[in-house]
């Protein structure tokens, strides 16, 4: 009679059954984000005098110029109060201009100034190079797969938030 090898228990699926904090998907993504962001923050602060929040607003304005400040907060995933303070600082640095809506002066459209565009064009390629170096650790196939997985996860989290009956805190609660 032939003996078969005992079945080895498969390792636990730490994505579905995390045992410690470092197994949590959100924590692992956060660690990548925070660690890589230190490079971006250093670049923005030391070479361009921008905070990470100012950079985020500036970069989103490059894609959504003329947007209302409330819409900008939503696009940049910042709360409205922090967005307003950030816009005030960017205005003081002459990187943006605010233009009240003629029909309702409480609504303000936001635009990059020429200096704002100059700073954006100087910073973005450097941030993109950091992104390139990080993503270059993966093969082209792995990058395509990761891109699909991130899209799937983003869709799922939107579904989870939409299904939540609880009032959720603002997106940018102090990062």
N, C-alpha and C. Protein backbone atom coordinates (compact mmCIF):
# COMPACT_ATOMS: atom_id res chain seq x y z
N UNK A 1 0.83 -1.16 0.00
CA UNK A 1 0.00 0.00 0.00
C UNK A 1 0.89 1.25 0.00
N UNK A 2 0.56 2.17 -0.84
CA UNK A 2 1.35 3.39 -1.02
C UNK A 2 0.85 4.48 -0.08
N UNK A 3 1.79 5.12 0.61
CA UNK A 3 1.43 6.20 1.52
C UNK A 3 1.47 7.52 0.77
N UNK A 4 0.54 8.36 1.06
CA UNK A 4 0.55 9.70 0.47
C UNK A 4 1.09 10.68 1.50
N UNK A 5 1.70 11.70 0.98
CA UNK A 5 2.26 12.72 1.87
C UNK A 5 1.12 13.44 2.57
N UNK A 6 1.32 13.78 3.82
CA UNK A 6 0.25 14.50 4.53
C UNK A 6 0.05 15.87 3.88
N UNK A 7 -1.19 16.30 3.85
CA UNK A 7 -1.49 17.62 3.30
C UNK A 7 -0.96 18.69 4.25
N UNK A 8 -0.22 19.59 3.69
CA UNK A 8 0.29 20.71 4.49
C UNK A 8 -0.79 21.77 4.55
N UNK A 9 -0.98 22.30 5.70
CA UNK A 9 -1.96 23.39 5.83
C UNK A 9 -1.44 24.59 5.06
N UNK A 10 -2.32 25.19 4.28
CA UNK A 10 -1.88 26.36 3.53
C UNK A 10 -1.70 27.52 4.50
N UNK A 11 -0.77 28.39 4.19
CA UNK A 11 -0.55 29.52 5.10
C UNK A 11 -1.81 30.38 5.17
N UNK A 12 -2.01 31.05 6.28
CA UNK A 12 -3.21 31.88 6.40
C UNK A 12 -3.21 33.00 5.35
N UNK A 13 -4.37 33.34 4.89
CA UNK A 13 -4.53 34.44 3.93
C UNK A 13 -4.58 35.73 4.72
N UNK A 14 -3.43 36.39 4.85
CA UNK A 14 -3.37 37.55 5.72
C UNK A 14 -4.17 38.73 5.18
N UNK A 15 -4.55 38.69 3.90
CA UNK A 15 -5.41 39.76 3.37
C UNK A 15 -6.83 39.63 3.93
N UNK A 16 -7.33 38.39 4.01
CA UNK A 16 -8.69 38.18 4.49
C UNK A 16 -8.77 37.92 5.98
N UNK A 17 -7.69 37.41 6.56
CA UNK A 17 -7.68 37.07 7.97
C UNK A 17 -6.42 37.60 8.64
N UNK A 18 -6.32 38.95 8.73
CA UNK A 18 -5.12 39.53 9.33
C UNK A 18 -4.99 39.14 10.79
N UNK A 19 -3.77 38.86 11.21
CA UNK A 19 -3.51 38.47 12.59
C UNK A 19 -2.93 39.62 13.41
N UNK A 20 -2.24 40.52 12.75
CA UNK A 20 -1.62 41.68 13.41
C UNK A 20 -1.78 42.90 12.51
N UNK A 21 -1.52 44.06 13.05
CA UNK A 21 -1.69 45.29 12.29
C UNK A 21 -0.92 45.27 10.98
N UNK A 22 0.30 44.76 10.99
CA UNK A 22 1.12 44.77 9.78
C UNK A 22 0.58 43.85 8.69
N UNK A 23 -0.43 43.04 8.99
CA UNK A 23 -1.11 42.22 7.97
C UNK A 23 -2.22 43.00 7.28
N UNK A 24 -2.71 44.06 7.89
CA UNK A 24 -3.85 44.81 7.35
C UNK A 24 -3.49 45.49 6.03
N UNK A 25 -4.33 45.29 5.02
CA UNK A 25 -4.09 45.89 3.71
C UNK A 25 -3.96 47.40 3.81
N UNK A 26 -4.87 48.06 4.53
CA UNK A 26 -4.80 49.52 4.63
C UNK A 26 -3.51 49.97 5.29
N UNK A 27 -3.05 49.24 6.28
CA UNK A 27 -1.80 49.61 6.94
C UNK A 27 -0.62 49.44 5.97
N UNK A 28 -0.62 48.36 5.22
CA UNK A 28 0.48 48.12 4.28
C UNK A 28 0.51 49.20 3.20
N UNK A 29 -0.66 49.57 2.67
CA UNK A 29 -0.73 50.64 1.68
C UNK A 29 -0.30 51.97 2.29
N UNK A 30 -0.74 52.22 3.52
CA UNK A 30 -0.38 53.44 4.23
C UNK A 30 1.14 53.56 4.40
N UNK A 31 1.78 52.45 4.78
CA UNK A 31 3.24 52.47 4.97
C UNK A 31 3.96 52.83 3.67
N UNK A 32 3.51 52.28 2.55
CA UNK A 32 4.10 52.63 1.25
C UNK A 32 3.88 54.11 0.98
N UNK A 33 2.65 54.55 1.19
CA UNK A 33 2.31 55.96 0.94
C UNK A 33 3.16 56.90 1.80
N UNK A 34 3.19 56.66 3.08
CA UNK A 34 3.92 57.55 3.99
C UNK A 34 5.41 57.54 3.72
N UNK A 35 5.96 56.36 3.50
CA UNK A 35 7.41 56.25 3.27
C UNK A 35 7.80 56.97 1.98
N UNK A 36 7.07 56.72 0.90
CA UNK A 36 7.39 57.38 -0.38
C UNK A 36 7.06 58.87 -0.32
N UNK A 37 6.01 59.22 0.41
CA UNK A 37 5.62 60.63 0.50
C UNK A 37 6.69 61.48 1.16
N UNK A 38 7.49 60.88 2.01
CA UNK A 38 8.58 61.64 2.64
C UNK A 38 9.49 62.24 1.58
N UNK A 39 9.71 61.50 0.50
CA UNK A 39 10.54 62.02 -0.60
C UNK A 39 9.87 63.22 -1.27
N UNK A 40 8.56 63.12 -1.48
CA UNK A 40 7.81 64.21 -2.12
C UNK A 40 7.76 65.41 -1.19
N UNK A 41 7.49 65.18 0.08
CA UNK A 41 7.42 66.28 1.05
C UNK A 41 8.75 67.01 1.12
N UNK A 42 9.84 66.26 1.18
CA UNK A 42 11.16 66.88 1.23
C UNK A 42 11.38 67.76 -0.01
N UNK A 43 11.07 67.22 -1.16
CA UNK A 43 11.22 67.98 -2.41
C UNK A 43 10.39 69.26 -2.36
N UNK A 44 9.10 69.12 -2.04
CA UNK A 44 8.20 70.28 -2.05
C UNK A 44 8.60 71.33 -1.02
N UNK A 45 8.89 70.88 0.19
CA UNK A 45 9.20 71.84 1.25
C UNK A 45 10.54 72.51 1.06
N UNK A 46 11.58 71.71 0.80
CA UNK A 46 12.93 72.26 0.78
C UNK A 46 13.30 72.96 -0.52
N UNK A 47 12.72 72.53 -1.61
CA UNK A 47 13.10 73.15 -2.88
C UNK A 47 12.08 74.15 -3.40
N UNK A 48 10.81 74.02 -2.96
CA UNK A 48 9.77 74.88 -3.52
C UNK A 48 8.94 75.61 -2.46
N UNK A 49 9.21 75.35 -1.18
CA UNK A 49 8.47 76.03 -0.12
C UNK A 49 7.00 75.70 -0.07
N UNK A 50 6.64 74.49 -0.49
CA UNK A 50 5.24 74.05 -0.49
C UNK A 50 5.02 72.94 0.53
N UNK A 51 3.89 72.99 1.21
CA UNK A 51 3.52 71.85 2.04
C UNK A 51 2.94 70.78 1.13
N UNK A 52 2.79 69.56 1.66
CA UNK A 52 2.21 68.49 0.82
C UNK A 52 0.77 68.83 0.44
N UNK A 53 0.04 69.48 1.34
CA UNK A 53 -1.35 69.86 1.03
C UNK A 53 -1.37 70.93 -0.06
N UNK A 54 -0.46 71.89 0.01
CA UNK A 54 -0.38 72.91 -1.04
C UNK A 54 -0.05 72.27 -2.38
N UNK A 55 0.87 71.30 -2.37
CA UNK A 55 1.21 70.60 -3.61
C UNK A 55 -0.01 69.85 -4.14
N UNK A 56 -0.74 69.19 -3.26
CA UNK A 56 -1.91 68.42 -3.70
C UNK A 56 -2.93 69.35 -4.36
N UNK A 57 -3.20 70.48 -3.74
CA UNK A 57 -4.16 71.43 -4.30
C UNK A 57 -3.65 71.98 -5.62
N UNK A 58 -2.38 72.36 -5.65
CA UNK A 58 -1.79 72.88 -6.89
C UNK A 58 -1.88 71.87 -8.03
N UNK A 59 -1.55 70.62 -7.73
CA UNK A 59 -1.58 69.61 -8.79
C UNK A 59 -3.00 69.31 -9.24
N UNK A 60 -3.97 69.31 -8.32
CA UNK A 60 -5.36 69.08 -8.75
C UNK A 60 -5.88 70.27 -9.55
N UNK A 61 -5.44 71.48 -9.20
CA UNK A 61 -5.85 72.64 -9.98
C UNK A 61 -5.33 72.56 -11.41
N UNK A 62 -4.19 71.95 -11.60
CA UNK A 62 -3.66 71.82 -12.97
C UNK A 62 -4.59 70.96 -13.82
N UNK A 63 -5.36 70.07 -13.19
CA UNK A 63 -6.29 69.21 -13.91
C UNK A 63 -7.71 69.76 -13.93
N UNK A 64 -8.04 70.61 -12.97
CA UNK A 64 -9.41 71.09 -12.81
C UNK A 64 -9.42 72.61 -12.65
N UNK A 65 -8.69 73.30 -13.47
CA UNK A 65 -8.59 74.75 -13.32
C UNK A 65 -9.95 75.41 -13.51
N UNK A 66 -10.21 76.41 -12.68
CA UNK A 66 -11.47 77.13 -12.73
C UNK A 66 -12.56 76.49 -11.90
N UNK A 67 -12.22 75.44 -11.19
CA UNK A 67 -13.19 74.72 -10.37
C UNK A 67 -13.56 75.57 -9.16
N UNK A 68 -14.76 75.33 -8.64
CA UNK A 68 -15.15 75.99 -7.39
C UNK A 68 -14.31 75.42 -6.26
N UNK A 69 -14.02 76.23 -5.25
CA UNK A 69 -13.19 75.75 -4.15
C UNK A 69 -13.82 74.55 -3.45
N UNK A 70 -15.14 74.50 -3.35
CA UNK A 70 -15.80 73.35 -2.71
C UNK A 70 -15.59 72.08 -3.54
N UNK A 71 -15.63 72.20 -4.86
CA UNK A 71 -15.39 71.05 -5.73
C UNK A 71 -13.93 70.64 -5.68
N UNK A 72 -13.04 71.61 -5.56
CA UNK A 72 -11.62 71.32 -5.43
C UNK A 72 -11.36 70.48 -4.19
N UNK A 73 -12.01 70.84 -3.09
CA UNK A 73 -11.85 70.08 -1.85
C UNK A 73 -12.25 68.62 -2.08
N UNK A 74 -13.34 68.43 -2.78
CA UNK A 74 -13.80 67.06 -3.06
C UNK A 74 -12.82 66.32 -3.96
N UNK A 75 -12.37 66.96 -5.03
CA UNK A 75 -11.41 66.32 -5.95
C UNK A 75 -10.11 65.96 -5.25
N UNK A 76 -9.62 66.87 -4.40
CA UNK A 76 -8.33 66.66 -3.73
C UNK A 76 -8.47 65.84 -2.45
N UNK A 77 -9.70 65.46 -2.11
CA UNK A 77 -9.99 64.67 -0.91
C UNK A 77 -9.51 65.39 0.35
N UNK A 78 -9.84 66.67 0.42
CA UNK A 78 -9.53 67.50 1.58
C UNK A 78 -10.83 68.07 2.13
N UNK A 79 -10.86 68.37 3.42
CA UNK A 79 -12.07 69.01 3.93
C UNK A 79 -12.06 70.48 3.49
N UNK A 80 -13.24 71.08 3.50
CA UNK A 80 -13.39 72.45 2.98
C UNK A 80 -12.60 73.49 3.76
N UNK A 81 -12.55 73.36 5.08
CA UNK A 81 -11.83 74.34 5.90
C UNK A 81 -10.34 74.29 5.58
N UNK A 82 -9.77 73.10 5.50
CA UNK A 82 -8.34 72.99 5.19
C UNK A 82 -8.06 73.46 3.76
N UNK A 83 -8.98 73.17 2.86
CA UNK A 83 -8.82 73.63 1.48
C UNK A 83 -8.81 75.15 1.44
N UNK A 84 -9.71 75.78 2.17
CA UNK A 84 -9.78 77.24 2.21
C UNK A 84 -8.48 77.83 2.75
N UNK A 85 -7.97 77.27 3.85
CA UNK A 85 -6.70 77.76 4.41
C UNK A 85 -5.54 77.55 3.43
N UNK A 86 -5.55 76.40 2.76
CA UNK A 86 -4.49 76.11 1.79
C UNK A 86 -4.56 77.08 0.63
N UNK A 87 -5.77 77.38 0.16
CA UNK A 87 -5.92 78.34 -0.94
C UNK A 87 -5.46 79.73 -0.52
N UNK A 88 -5.71 80.10 0.73
CA UNK A 88 -5.24 81.40 1.23
C UNK A 88 -3.71 81.46 1.19
N UNK A 89 -3.06 80.38 1.62
CA UNK A 89 -1.59 80.35 1.59
C UNK A 89 -1.07 80.39 0.14
N UNK A 90 -1.70 79.62 -0.74
CA UNK A 90 -1.27 79.62 -2.15
C UNK A 90 -1.50 80.98 -2.80
N UNK A 91 -2.59 81.66 -2.42
CA UNK A 91 -2.86 83.00 -2.92
C UNK A 91 -1.77 83.96 -2.43
N UNK A 92 -1.39 83.82 -1.16
CA UNK A 92 -0.33 84.66 -0.60
C UNK A 92 1.01 84.45 -1.30
N UNK A 93 1.21 83.25 -1.81
CA UNK A 93 2.45 82.94 -2.56
C UNK A 93 2.31 83.28 -4.04
N UNK A 94 1.16 83.84 -4.41
CA UNK A 94 0.89 84.26 -5.80
C UNK A 94 0.87 83.08 -6.77
N UNK A 95 0.45 81.90 -6.27
CA UNK A 95 0.40 80.70 -7.12
C UNK A 95 -1.00 80.43 -7.66
N UNK A 96 -2.00 81.05 -7.05
CA UNK A 96 -3.38 80.91 -7.53
C UNK A 96 -4.04 82.27 -7.52
N UNK A 97 -5.18 82.34 -8.21
CA UNK A 97 -6.04 83.51 -8.10
C UNK A 97 -7.46 83.02 -7.95
N UNK A 98 -8.21 83.74 -7.15
CA UNK A 98 -9.62 83.42 -6.91
C UNK A 98 -10.49 84.40 -7.68
N UNK A 99 -11.52 83.86 -8.27
CA UNK A 99 -12.44 84.71 -9.04
C UNK A 99 -13.86 84.40 -8.60
N UNK A 100 -14.50 85.35 -7.90
CA UNK A 100 -15.88 85.10 -7.46
C UNK A 100 -16.81 84.92 -8.66
N UNK A 101 -17.81 84.07 -8.48
CA UNK A 101 -18.82 83.85 -9.52
C UNK A 101 -19.69 85.11 -9.56
N UNK A 102 -19.91 85.68 -10.74
CA UNK A 102 -20.68 86.93 -10.81
C UNK A 102 -22.08 86.83 -10.20
N UNK A 103 -22.74 85.70 -10.37
CA UNK A 103 -24.11 85.56 -9.88
C UNK A 103 -24.18 85.27 -8.37
N UNK A 104 -23.08 84.80 -7.79
CA UNK A 104 -23.06 84.49 -6.36
C UNK A 104 -21.62 84.64 -5.86
N UNK A 105 -21.33 85.78 -5.29
CA UNK A 105 -19.95 86.10 -4.91
C UNK A 105 -19.41 85.18 -3.81
N UNK A 106 -20.29 84.38 -3.16
CA UNK A 106 -19.82 83.42 -2.16
C UNK A 106 -19.12 82.23 -2.84
N UNK A 107 -19.47 81.98 -4.08
CA UNK A 107 -18.84 80.89 -4.83
C UNK A 107 -17.62 81.45 -5.56
N UNK A 108 -16.49 80.78 -5.36
CA UNK A 108 -15.23 81.28 -5.91
C UNK A 108 -14.59 80.22 -6.80
N UNK A 109 -14.27 80.64 -8.02
CA UNK A 109 -13.52 79.78 -8.94
C UNK A 109 -12.03 80.00 -8.69
N UNK A 110 -11.26 78.93 -8.82
CA UNK A 110 -9.83 79.02 -8.52
C UNK A 110 -9.03 78.67 -9.76
N UNK A 111 -8.00 79.48 -10.02
CA UNK A 111 -7.14 79.30 -11.19
C UNK A 111 -5.68 79.36 -10.76
N UNK A 112 -4.83 78.67 -11.49
CA UNK A 112 -3.39 78.82 -11.30
C UNK A 112 -2.94 80.11 -11.96
N UNK A 113 -2.01 80.80 -11.32
CA UNK A 113 -1.39 81.96 -11.96
C UNK A 113 -0.25 81.44 -12.85
N UNK A 114 0.37 82.33 -13.57
CA UNK A 114 1.55 81.91 -14.37
C UNK A 114 2.62 81.32 -13.46
N UNK A 115 2.82 81.95 -12.31
CA UNK A 115 3.80 81.42 -11.34
C UNK A 115 3.37 80.05 -10.82
N UNK A 116 2.08 79.89 -10.61
CA UNK A 116 1.55 78.60 -10.18
C UNK A 116 1.82 77.52 -11.22
N UNK A 117 1.60 77.86 -12.47
CA UNK A 117 1.90 76.89 -13.55
C UNK A 117 3.39 76.61 -13.61
N UNK A 118 4.22 77.63 -13.42
CA UNK A 118 5.67 77.43 -13.46
C UNK A 118 6.10 76.46 -12.36
N UNK A 119 5.59 76.67 -11.15
CA UNK A 119 5.94 75.80 -10.03
C UNK A 119 5.43 74.38 -10.30
N UNK A 120 4.19 74.27 -10.76
CA UNK A 120 3.64 72.94 -11.06
C UNK A 120 4.52 72.21 -12.08
N UNK A 121 4.89 72.91 -13.14
CA UNK A 121 5.70 72.29 -14.20
C UNK A 121 7.12 71.93 -13.72
N UNK A 122 7.58 72.61 -12.70
CA UNK A 122 8.89 72.28 -12.13
C UNK A 122 8.80 71.10 -11.17
N UNK A 123 7.71 71.02 -10.40
CA UNK A 123 7.58 69.97 -9.37
C UNK A 123 7.10 68.65 -9.97
N UNK A 124 6.08 68.70 -10.84
CA UNK A 124 5.45 67.46 -11.29
C UNK A 124 6.43 66.45 -11.90
N UNK A 125 7.34 66.85 -12.78
CA UNK A 125 8.27 65.84 -13.32
C UNK A 125 9.13 65.18 -12.25
N UNK A 126 9.45 65.92 -11.21
CA UNK A 126 10.26 65.37 -10.12
C UNK A 126 9.45 64.37 -9.30
N UNK A 127 8.18 64.68 -9.05
CA UNK A 127 7.30 63.75 -8.33
C UNK A 127 7.05 62.52 -9.21
N UNK A 128 6.86 62.74 -10.51
CA UNK A 128 6.65 61.62 -11.43
C UNK A 128 7.88 60.72 -11.48
N UNK A 129 9.08 61.29 -11.33
CA UNK A 129 10.30 60.49 -11.30
C UNK A 129 10.35 59.60 -10.06
N UNK A 130 9.87 60.12 -8.93
CA UNK A 130 9.79 59.31 -7.71
C UNK A 130 8.82 58.16 -7.94
N UNK A 131 7.67 58.47 -8.55
CA UNK A 131 6.68 57.45 -8.88
C UNK A 131 7.28 56.40 -9.81
N UNK A 132 8.02 56.85 -10.82
CA UNK A 132 8.64 55.94 -11.79
C UNK A 132 9.62 55.00 -11.11
N UNK A 133 10.44 55.55 -10.23
CA UNK A 133 11.43 54.72 -9.54
C UNK A 133 10.75 53.67 -8.65
N UNK A 134 9.69 54.07 -7.98
CA UNK A 134 8.95 53.12 -7.15
C UNK A 134 8.29 52.04 -8.01
N UNK A 135 7.56 52.44 -9.04
CA UNK A 135 6.85 51.48 -9.89
C UNK A 135 7.80 50.60 -10.68
N UNK A 136 9.01 51.08 -10.92
CA UNK A 136 9.99 50.32 -11.69
C UNK A 136 10.46 49.07 -10.95
N UNK A 137 10.12 48.95 -9.66
CA UNK A 137 10.44 47.72 -8.91
C UNK A 137 9.60 46.55 -9.39
N UNK A 138 8.53 46.85 -10.14
CA UNK A 138 7.62 45.82 -10.65
C UNK A 138 7.84 45.62 -12.15
N UNK A 139 7.58 44.42 -12.61
CA UNK A 139 7.65 44.15 -14.04
C UNK A 139 6.46 44.82 -14.73
N UNK A 140 6.52 45.01 -16.06
CA UNK A 140 5.37 45.58 -16.76
C UNK A 140 4.07 44.80 -16.50
N UNK A 141 4.17 43.49 -16.48
CA UNK A 141 2.98 42.67 -16.21
C UNK A 141 2.46 42.92 -14.80
N UNK A 142 3.37 42.99 -13.83
CA UNK A 142 2.97 43.26 -12.45
C UNK A 142 2.34 44.65 -12.32
N UNK A 143 2.88 45.64 -13.04
CA UNK A 143 2.31 47.00 -12.99
C UNK A 143 0.89 47.01 -13.55
N UNK A 144 0.66 46.32 -14.66
CA UNK A 144 -0.68 46.24 -15.23
C UNK A 144 -1.63 45.56 -14.26
N UNK A 145 -1.17 44.48 -13.66
CA UNK A 145 -2.01 43.75 -12.71
C UNK A 145 -2.31 44.62 -11.48
N UNK A 146 -1.30 45.29 -10.96
CA UNK A 146 -1.50 46.16 -9.80
C UNK A 146 -2.48 47.28 -10.15
N UNK A 147 -2.35 47.85 -11.33
CA UNK A 147 -3.25 48.92 -11.76
C UNK A 147 -4.70 48.41 -11.76
N UNK A 148 -4.92 47.23 -12.29
CA UNK A 148 -6.28 46.64 -12.29
C UNK A 148 -6.75 46.38 -10.86
N UNK A 149 -5.87 45.87 -10.02
CA UNK A 149 -6.25 45.57 -8.64
C UNK A 149 -6.60 46.85 -7.87
N UNK A 150 -5.81 47.90 -8.07
CA UNK A 150 -6.10 49.16 -7.38
C UNK A 150 -7.43 49.74 -7.85
N UNK A 151 -7.73 49.62 -9.13
CA UNK A 151 -9.01 50.09 -9.65
C UNK A 151 -10.16 49.30 -9.02
N UNK A 152 -9.97 47.99 -8.90
CA UNK A 152 -10.98 47.14 -8.26
C UNK A 152 -11.18 47.53 -6.81
N UNK A 153 -10.08 47.71 -6.07
CA UNK A 153 -10.18 48.09 -4.67
C UNK A 153 -10.83 49.46 -4.50
N UNK A 154 -10.50 50.40 -5.39
CA UNK A 154 -11.11 51.74 -5.31
C UNK A 154 -12.61 51.64 -5.52
N UNK A 155 -13.02 50.85 -6.49
CA UNK A 155 -14.45 50.65 -6.72
C UNK A 155 -15.13 50.02 -5.52
N UNK A 156 -14.49 49.04 -4.92
CA UNK A 156 -15.07 48.36 -3.76
C UNK A 156 -15.21 49.29 -2.58
N UNK A 157 -14.20 50.11 -2.31
CA UNK A 157 -14.28 51.02 -1.17
C UNK A 157 -15.37 52.07 -1.40
N UNK A 158 -15.56 52.50 -2.65
CA UNK A 158 -16.66 53.43 -2.94
C UNK A 158 -18.01 52.77 -2.63
N UNK A 159 -18.15 51.50 -2.99
CA UNK A 159 -19.38 50.76 -2.67
C UNK A 159 -19.57 50.66 -1.16
N UNK A 160 -18.50 50.38 -0.44
CA UNK A 160 -18.59 50.25 1.02
C UNK A 160 -19.01 51.56 1.67
N UNK A 161 -18.43 52.67 1.20
CA UNK A 161 -18.78 53.98 1.76
C UNK A 161 -20.23 54.32 1.43
N UNK A 162 -20.64 54.05 0.18
CA UNK A 162 -22.01 54.33 -0.22
C UNK A 162 -23.02 53.51 0.59
N UNK A 163 -22.64 52.29 0.95
CA UNK A 163 -23.53 51.42 1.71
C UNK A 163 -23.53 51.72 3.21
N UNK A 164 -22.57 52.49 3.66
CA UNK A 164 -22.47 52.80 5.08
C UNK A 164 -23.63 53.70 5.50
N UNK A 165 -24.24 53.36 6.60
CA UNK A 165 -25.34 54.17 7.12
C UNK A 165 -24.82 55.18 8.13
N UNK A 166 -23.57 55.06 8.48
CA UNK A 166 -22.97 55.97 9.45
C UNK A 166 -22.51 57.24 8.76
N UNK A 167 -22.48 58.32 9.52
CA UNK A 167 -21.90 59.55 9.02
C UNK A 167 -20.39 59.42 9.16
N UNK A 168 -19.70 59.51 8.05
CA UNK A 168 -18.26 59.34 8.06
C UNK A 168 -17.56 60.68 8.25
N UNK A 169 -16.40 60.68 8.89
CA UNK A 169 -15.66 61.93 9.09
C UNK A 169 -15.15 62.45 7.74
N UNK A 170 -14.75 63.72 7.72
CA UNK A 170 -14.19 64.28 6.47
C UNK A 170 -13.01 63.43 6.00
N UNK A 171 -12.75 63.46 4.71
CA UNK A 171 -11.70 62.65 4.13
C UNK A 171 -10.35 63.00 4.71
N UNK A 172 -10.02 64.27 4.78
CA UNK A 172 -8.72 64.71 5.27
C UNK A 172 -8.88 65.16 6.71
N UNK A 173 -8.74 64.23 7.62
CA UNK A 173 -8.98 64.56 9.02
C UNK A 173 -7.71 64.96 9.77
N UNK A 174 -6.68 65.36 9.04
CA UNK A 174 -5.50 65.85 9.72
C UNK A 174 -4.19 65.32 9.17
N UNK A 175 -4.23 64.62 8.07
CA UNK A 175 -3.03 64.05 7.47
C UNK A 175 -2.01 65.12 7.19
